[in-house]
Protein backbone atom coordinates (compact mmCIF):
# COMPACT_ATOMS: atom_id res chain seq x y z
CA UNK A 1 -9.22 213.60 194.54
CA UNK A 2 -11.57 211.50 192.31
CA UNK A 3 -14.84 212.49 190.79
CA UNK A 4 -16.88 209.59 192.26
CA UNK A 5 -19.35 211.48 194.53
CA UNK A 6 -22.41 213.04 192.69
CA UNK A 7 -21.50 216.54 193.95
CA UNK A 8 -17.88 216.40 192.76
CA UNK A 9 -19.06 214.88 189.38
CA UNK A 10 -21.52 217.76 188.96
CA UNK A 11 -18.82 220.38 189.53
CA UNK A 12 -16.56 218.47 187.10
CA UNK A 13 -19.33 218.46 184.50
CA UNK A 14 -19.65 222.19 184.90
CA UNK A 15 -15.85 222.51 184.43
CA UNK A 16 -16.04 220.48 181.19
CA UNK A 17 -18.89 222.48 179.85
CA UNK A 18 -16.95 225.69 180.49
CA UNK A 19 -13.84 224.73 178.80
CA UNK A 20 -15.75 223.30 175.83
CA UNK A 21 -17.76 226.52 175.51
CA UNK A 22 -14.37 228.40 175.43
CA UNK A 23 -13.24 225.93 172.75
CA UNK A 24 -16.33 226.54 170.62
CA UNK A 25 -15.92 230.32 171.01
CA UNK A 26 -12.26 230.01 169.79
CA UNK A 27 -13.42 227.87 166.91
CA UNK A 28 -15.97 230.55 165.83
CA UNK A 29 -13.31 233.21 165.91
CA UNK A 30 -11.01 231.14 163.68
CA UNK A 31 -13.89 230.41 161.27
CA UNK A 32 -14.67 234.07 161.01
CA UNK A 33 -11.01 235.01 160.47
CA UNK A 34 -10.64 232.44 157.74
CA UNK A 35 -13.67 233.92 155.91
CA UNK A 36 -12.47 237.44 156.38
CA UNK A 37 -8.96 236.66 155.25
CA UNK A 38 -10.29 235.00 152.06
CA UNK A 39 -12.44 238.12 151.30
CA UNK A 40 -9.54 240.35 152.13
CA UNK A 41 -7.29 238.52 149.76
CA UNK A 42 -9.88 238.29 147.00
CA UNK A 43 -10.83 242.10 147.33
CA UNK A 44 -7.25 243.25 148.26
CA UNK A 45 -8.80 244.84 151.32
CA UNK A 46 -5.97 245.92 153.54
CA UNK A 47 -8.13 247.25 156.23
CA UNK A 48 -10.01 243.88 156.57
CA UNK A 49 -6.67 242.14 156.45
CA UNK A 50 -5.39 244.24 159.41
CA UNK A 51 -8.62 243.35 161.28
CA UNK A 52 -7.81 239.61 160.79
CA UNK A 53 -4.31 240.08 162.02
CA UNK A 54 -5.40 241.97 165.17
CA UNK A 55 -8.20 239.36 165.90
CA UNK A 56 -5.58 236.59 166.31
CA UNK A 57 -4.61 237.97 169.79
CA UNK A 58 -8.02 236.92 171.06
CA UNK A 59 -7.56 233.41 169.67
CA UNK A 60 -4.28 233.18 171.37
CA UNK A 61 -5.65 234.48 174.68
CA UNK A 62 -8.42 231.85 174.56
CA UNK A 63 -5.95 228.98 174.01
CA UNK A 64 -4.00 230.26 176.98
CA UNK A 65 -7.12 230.35 179.10
CA UNK A 66 -8.14 226.89 177.96
CA UNK A 67 -4.71 225.56 178.80
CA UNK A 68 -4.83 226.91 182.30
CA UNK A 69 -8.39 225.64 182.91
CA UNK A 70 -7.45 222.16 181.70
CA UNK A 71 -4.32 222.06 183.91
CA UNK A 72 -6.53 223.16 186.93
CA UNK A 73 -9.19 220.48 186.20
CA UNK A 74 -6.50 217.76 185.95
CA UNK A 75 -4.81 218.88 189.23
CA UNK A 76 -8.02 219.48 191.28
CA UNK A 77 -10.56 217.02 189.91
CA UNK A 78 -8.57 213.89 189.30
CA UNK A 79 -10.68 212.96 186.22
CA UNK A 80 -11.25 209.30 185.42
CA UNK A 81 -10.01 207.81 182.08
CA UNK A 82 -13.10 208.85 180.08
CA UNK A 83 -13.08 212.34 181.54
CA UNK A 84 -9.48 212.83 181.16
CA UNK A 85 -9.77 211.87 177.42
CA UNK A 86 -12.14 214.78 177.00
CA UNK A 87 -9.89 217.18 178.80
CA UNK A 88 -6.84 216.07 176.60
CA UNK A 89 -8.82 216.39 173.53
CA UNK A 90 -9.83 220.05 174.41
CA UNK A 91 -6.15 220.73 174.79
CA UNK A 92 -5.27 219.20 171.37
CA UNK A 93 -8.13 220.90 169.50
CA UNK A 94 -7.30 224.28 171.08
CA UNK A 95 -3.72 223.82 169.82
CA UNK A 96 -4.91 223.14 166.41
CA UNK A 97 -7.23 226.07 166.40
CA UNK A 98 -4.36 228.38 167.60
CA UNK A 99 -2.20 227.18 164.67
CA UNK A 100 -5.18 227.71 162.23
CA UNK A 101 -5.39 231.26 163.62
CA UNK A 102 -1.68 231.77 162.93
CA UNK A 103 -1.94 230.50 159.37
CA UNK A 104 -4.97 232.77 158.75
CA UNK A 105 -3.01 235.72 160.12
CA UNK A 106 -0.16 234.73 157.75
CA UNK A 107 -2.55 234.94 154.82
CA UNK A 108 -3.79 238.28 155.96
CA UNK A 109 -0.14 239.58 156.05
CA UNK A 110 0.30 238.81 152.43
CA UNK A 111 -2.67 240.91 151.42
CA UNK A 112 -0.81 244.18 151.92
CA UNK A 113 2.12 242.97 149.68
CA UNK A 114 -0.22 241.56 147.01
CA UNK A 115 -2.38 244.73 146.91
CA UNK A 116 0.46 246.61 145.40
CA UNK A 117 0.92 244.07 142.59
CA UNK A 118 -1.26 243.49 139.46
CA UNK A 119 -3.48 240.32 139.61
CA UNK A 120 -1.92 237.19 138.12
CA UNK A 121 -4.06 234.73 136.34
CA UNK A 122 -7.08 233.16 138.03
CA UNK A 123 -5.19 232.29 141.31
CA UNK A 124 -7.45 234.45 143.43
CA UNK A 125 -10.60 232.31 142.58
CA UNK A 126 -8.77 229.11 143.30
CA UNK A 127 -7.36 230.30 146.48
CA UNK A 128 -10.88 231.45 147.49
CA UNK A 129 -12.21 227.93 146.78
CA UNK A 130 -9.39 226.32 148.64
CA UNK A 131 -9.94 228.52 151.65
CA UNK A 132 -13.75 227.87 151.53
CA UNK A 133 -13.03 224.15 151.60
CA UNK A 134 -10.76 224.41 154.61
CA UNK A 135 -13.32 226.64 156.34
CA UNK A 136 -16.08 224.07 155.78
CA UNK A 137 -13.82 221.32 157.12
CA UNK A 138 -13.30 223.31 160.29
CA UNK A 139 -16.99 223.99 160.69
CA UNK A 140 -17.87 220.30 160.15
CA UNK A 141 -15.12 219.15 162.56
CA UNK A 142 -16.44 221.44 165.27
CA UNK A 143 -20.06 220.30 164.68
CA UNK A 144 -18.80 216.70 164.90
CA UNK A 145 -17.04 217.60 168.07
CA UNK A 146 -20.24 218.96 169.64
CA UNK A 147 -22.14 215.86 168.57
CA UNK A 148 -19.36 213.33 169.17
CA UNK A 149 -20.04 212.20 165.58
CA UNK A 150 -17.25 209.89 164.44
CA UNK A 151 -18.80 209.47 161.04
CA UNK A 152 -19.02 213.03 160.38
CA UNK A 153 -15.38 213.47 161.55
CA UNK A 154 -14.26 210.62 159.21
CA UNK A 155 -15.80 212.58 156.31
CA UNK A 156 -13.77 215.64 157.12
CA UNK A 157 -10.65 213.55 157.02
CA UNK A 158 -11.42 212.61 153.47
CA UNK A 159 -12.03 216.28 152.50
CA UNK A 160 -8.46 217.07 153.32
CA UNK A 161 -7.43 215.33 150.16
CA UNK A 162 -9.43 217.96 148.19
CA UNK A 163 -7.50 220.71 149.74
CA UNK A 164 -4.19 218.92 149.02
CA UNK A 165 -5.23 218.47 145.36
CA UNK A 166 -6.07 222.17 144.95
CA UNK A 167 -2.65 223.00 146.45
CA UNK A 168 -0.90 220.64 144.03
CA UNK A 169 -2.70 222.23 141.02
CA UNK A 170 -1.73 225.63 142.24
CA UNK A 171 1.84 224.75 142.96
CA UNK A 172 2.39 223.35 139.49
CA UNK A 173 0.63 226.40 137.90
CA UNK A 174 2.84 228.82 139.98
CA UNK A 175 5.99 227.00 139.01
CA UNK A 176 5.18 227.00 135.33
CA UNK A 177 4.44 230.85 135.41
CA UNK A 178 7.71 231.58 137.23
CA UNK A 179 9.76 229.49 134.79
CA UNK A 180 8.07 231.13 131.78
CA UNK A 181 8.35 234.76 133.18
CA UNK A 182 11.03 235.56 135.84
CA UNK A 183 9.25 238.85 136.51
CA UNK A 184 6.31 236.90 138.05
CA UNK A 185 8.42 235.06 140.58
CA UNK A 186 7.76 237.57 143.44
CA UNK A 187 3.96 237.65 143.37
CA UNK A 188 3.79 233.86 142.69
CA UNK A 189 5.97 233.20 145.62
CA UNK A 190 3.57 235.25 147.86
CA UNK A 191 0.66 233.42 146.49
CA UNK A 192 2.39 230.07 147.01
CA UNK A 193 2.85 231.13 150.68
CA UNK A 194 -0.71 231.65 150.88
CA UNK A 195 -1.73 228.45 149.32
CA UNK A 196 0.65 226.52 151.67
CA UNK A 197 -0.85 228.18 154.70
CA UNK A 198 -4.37 227.21 153.57
CA UNK A 199 -3.13 223.58 153.05
CA UNK A 200 -1.80 223.48 156.56
CA UNK A 201 -5.23 224.83 157.81
CA UNK A 202 -6.76 221.77 156.18
CA UNK A 203 -4.30 219.49 158.02
CA UNK A 204 -5.27 221.04 161.42
CA UNK A 205 -8.98 220.69 160.69
CA UNK A 206 -8.16 217.13 160.08
CA UNK A 207 -6.32 216.87 163.37
CA UNK A 208 -9.51 218.22 165.02
CA UNK A 209 -11.65 215.58 163.26
CA UNK A 210 -9.30 212.85 164.51
CA UNK A 211 -9.70 214.06 168.02
CA UNK A 212 -13.49 213.65 167.54
CA UNK A 213 -13.02 210.09 166.52
CA UNK A 214 -10.75 209.49 169.49
CA UNK A 215 -13.41 211.01 171.85
CA UNK A 216 -16.28 208.99 170.34
CA UNK A 217 -14.47 205.54 170.02
CA UNK A 218 -11.52 205.72 172.40
CA UNK A 219 -9.04 205.22 169.61
CA UNK A 220 -7.49 207.21 166.87
CA UNK A 221 -8.14 206.18 163.23
CA UNK A 222 -6.25 203.12 162.38
CA UNK A 223 -5.98 203.79 158.61
CA UNK A 224 -3.42 206.35 157.35
CA UNK A 225 -4.69 209.88 156.72
CA UNK A 226 -5.40 210.52 153.06
CA UNK A 227 -2.78 212.83 151.70
CA UNK A 228 -2.48 214.30 148.18
CA UNK A 229 0.29 216.95 148.81
CA UNK A 230 3.01 215.76 146.34
CA UNK A 231 5.14 218.94 146.31
CA UNK A 232 8.58 219.07 147.86
CA UNK A 233 8.84 222.67 148.70
CA UNK A 234 9.65 223.50 152.39
CA UNK A 235 6.55 224.19 154.50
CA UNK A 236 5.59 227.78 154.81
CA UNK A 237 4.48 227.56 158.37
CA UNK A 238 6.14 230.89 159.55
């Protein structure tokens, strides 16, 4: 089946609107979770952290619903090349949002552990700034998606370097503290885990921005993605 007739195209347009509305709802949940996780970490609020962890189930459910809807659209509507690009972009953006939700849940998990430890240095403020940067990247990437704004999406790609630079600064500071005082190894390892998960959130916000560029132009960015993560620790994606 193709979407050549006006009636079929109208039905297909409604299908696209529905899955993109689900995608924006999913994005809003992830944005809220990132903000709550940052506040829970900063205030050592275990109740709020638990709320973040519980909310991830809704993000996962939305991704599953979006995947099913996209599969149905492809099977029943036979979208043309341009429309298929939109459907595939929805799938990829939903996948990135789901991963961002997982990383946010990982941050929330660390709140309970860190709440029982004394604060260390000024790490909390730097992590809060790092999370805020990643959160703004996601907001801008989703706004760019709605507007099909490739220029705005390109700016999001550049912002990822700032997240990487903050991560590098924290990594070096954590390593120095752990070398100077072995008793600090446990809390700083937890803080590093938090920082690495936020750094990965920035990567996925950048993935979303690249999908916007693909949607708007038909091509992925030709130039390499700016990266400033120079550390060699194993990724803390778990």
